[in-house]
Amino acid sequence: MQQFDTLRASSLYCQKCQAAMPVRERLLLILPEKEIYDYLCTGCASSLGQREVTLGEKRLQEQLAARRGRPAPQLFLP
C-alpha cells in the first residue's frame, strides 16, 4: 500500500493555541542521505513536530511523479 508512503500533516495539535491548527512545513536541514522538515503552527509559529525524508523516498516520489506526467518537485541547493 503506497498511498501513505509520503504522508504529510496538514494540521496538528498546538499546546499554545490549545487547538488543532493548520501547519506549514519548513525545510530545516539538508543532509546527504535525508532532508528534515519542521512543522510550524500558523497561529503562533511554534514548532509542532518534524518529518524526515530519506533519499530513497525522494527518488520514489520523483519516479511516481514522472509516471503520472507531472514534473517532480525540484530541490535547489546552493
Protein backbone atom coordinates (compact mmCIF):
# COMPACT_ATOMS: atom_id res chain seq x y z
CA MET A 1 0.00 0.00 0.00
CA GLN A 2 1.95 3.00 -1.30
CA GLN A 3 -0.62 5.72 -0.74
CA PHE A 4 0.68 6.51 2.75
CA ASP A 5 4.40 6.42 1.94
CA THR A 6 4.68 10.20 1.75
CA LEU A 7 2.25 11.26 4.46
CA ARG A 8 2.30 14.98 5.29
CA ALA A 9 0.46 16.65 8.15
CA SER A 10 -2.00 19.42 7.33
CA SER A 11 -2.95 20.18 10.94
CA LEU A 12 -1.50 19.27 14.33
CA TYR A 13 -2.46 19.99 17.93
CA CYS A 14 -0.75 23.11 19.31
CA GLN A 15 -0.42 23.37 23.09
CA LYS A 16 -0.07 27.17 22.99
CA CYS A 17 -3.22 27.67 20.90
CA GLN A 18 -4.94 24.70 22.62
CA ALA A 19 -6.49 23.53 19.35
CA ALA A 20 -5.69 21.59 16.21
CA MET A 21 -4.09 24.20 13.98
CA PRO A 22 -3.08 24.20 10.33
CA VAL A 23 0.67 23.84 9.91
CA ARG A 24 3.21 24.87 7.34
CA GLU A 25 6.25 22.83 6.50
CA ARG A 26 9.69 24.48 6.62
CA LEU A 27 12.88 22.87 5.33
CA LEU A 28 15.14 22.73 8.36
CA LEU A 29 18.21 20.76 7.30
CA ILE A 30 19.59 19.08 4.17
CA LEU A 31 21.91 16.11 4.70
CA PRO A 32 23.39 13.80 2.04
CA GLU A 33 21.06 10.93 2.98
CA LYS A 34 17.93 12.81 4.15
CA GLU A 35 16.09 16.10 4.49
CA ILE A 36 14.50 17.27 7.74
CA TYR A 37 11.36 19.42 7.72
CA ASP A 38 9.85 21.28 10.66
CA TYR A 39 6.07 21.74 11.13
CA LEU A 40 5.15 25.25 12.32
CA CYS A 41 1.80 26.34 13.74
CA THR A 42 0.18 29.01 11.54
CA GLY A 43 -1.32 30.69 14.61
CA CYS A 44 1.67 31.19 16.89
CA ALA A 45 4.61 29.91 14.77
CA SER A 46 5.72 27.38 17.39
CA SER A 47 7.34 24.13 16.28
CA LEU A 48 4.91 21.20 16.46
CA GLY A 49 6.99 18.36 15.03
CA GLN A 50 9.43 17.18 12.39
CA ARG A 51 9.39 14.99 9.31
CA GLU A 52 12.36 13.26 7.71
CA VAL A 53 12.54 12.39 4.03
CA THR A 54 15.24 9.92 3.06
CA LEU A 55 16.98 9.96 -0.30
CA GLY A 56 15.20 6.75 -1.30
CA GLU A 57 11.77 8.22 -0.54
CA LYS A 58 12.63 11.36 -2.51
CA ARG A 59 13.68 9.33 -5.56
CA LEU A 60 10.50 7.26 -5.32
CA GLN A 61 8.42 10.47 -5.31
CA GLU A 62 10.25 11.70 -8.41
CA GLN A 63 9.66 8.40 -10.23
CA LEU A 64 5.95 8.37 -9.34
CA ALA A 65 5.58 11.98 -10.46
CA ALA A 66 7.27 11.15 -13.78
CA ARG A 67 4.87 8.25 -14.35
CA ARG A 68 1.88 10.49 -13.75
CA GLY A 69 3.21 13.06 -16.20
CA ARG A 70 3.74 15.72 -13.56
CA PRO A 71 7.04 17.49 -13.07
CA ALA A 72 8.82 16.33 -9.93
CA PRO A 73 9.36 18.93 -7.19
CA GLN A 74 12.79 20.48 -7.59
CA LEU A 75 15.31 20.95 -4.82
CA PHE A 76 17.68 23.86 -5.27
CA LEU A 77 20.99 23.52 -3.47
CA PRO A 78 23.39 26.45 -3.01
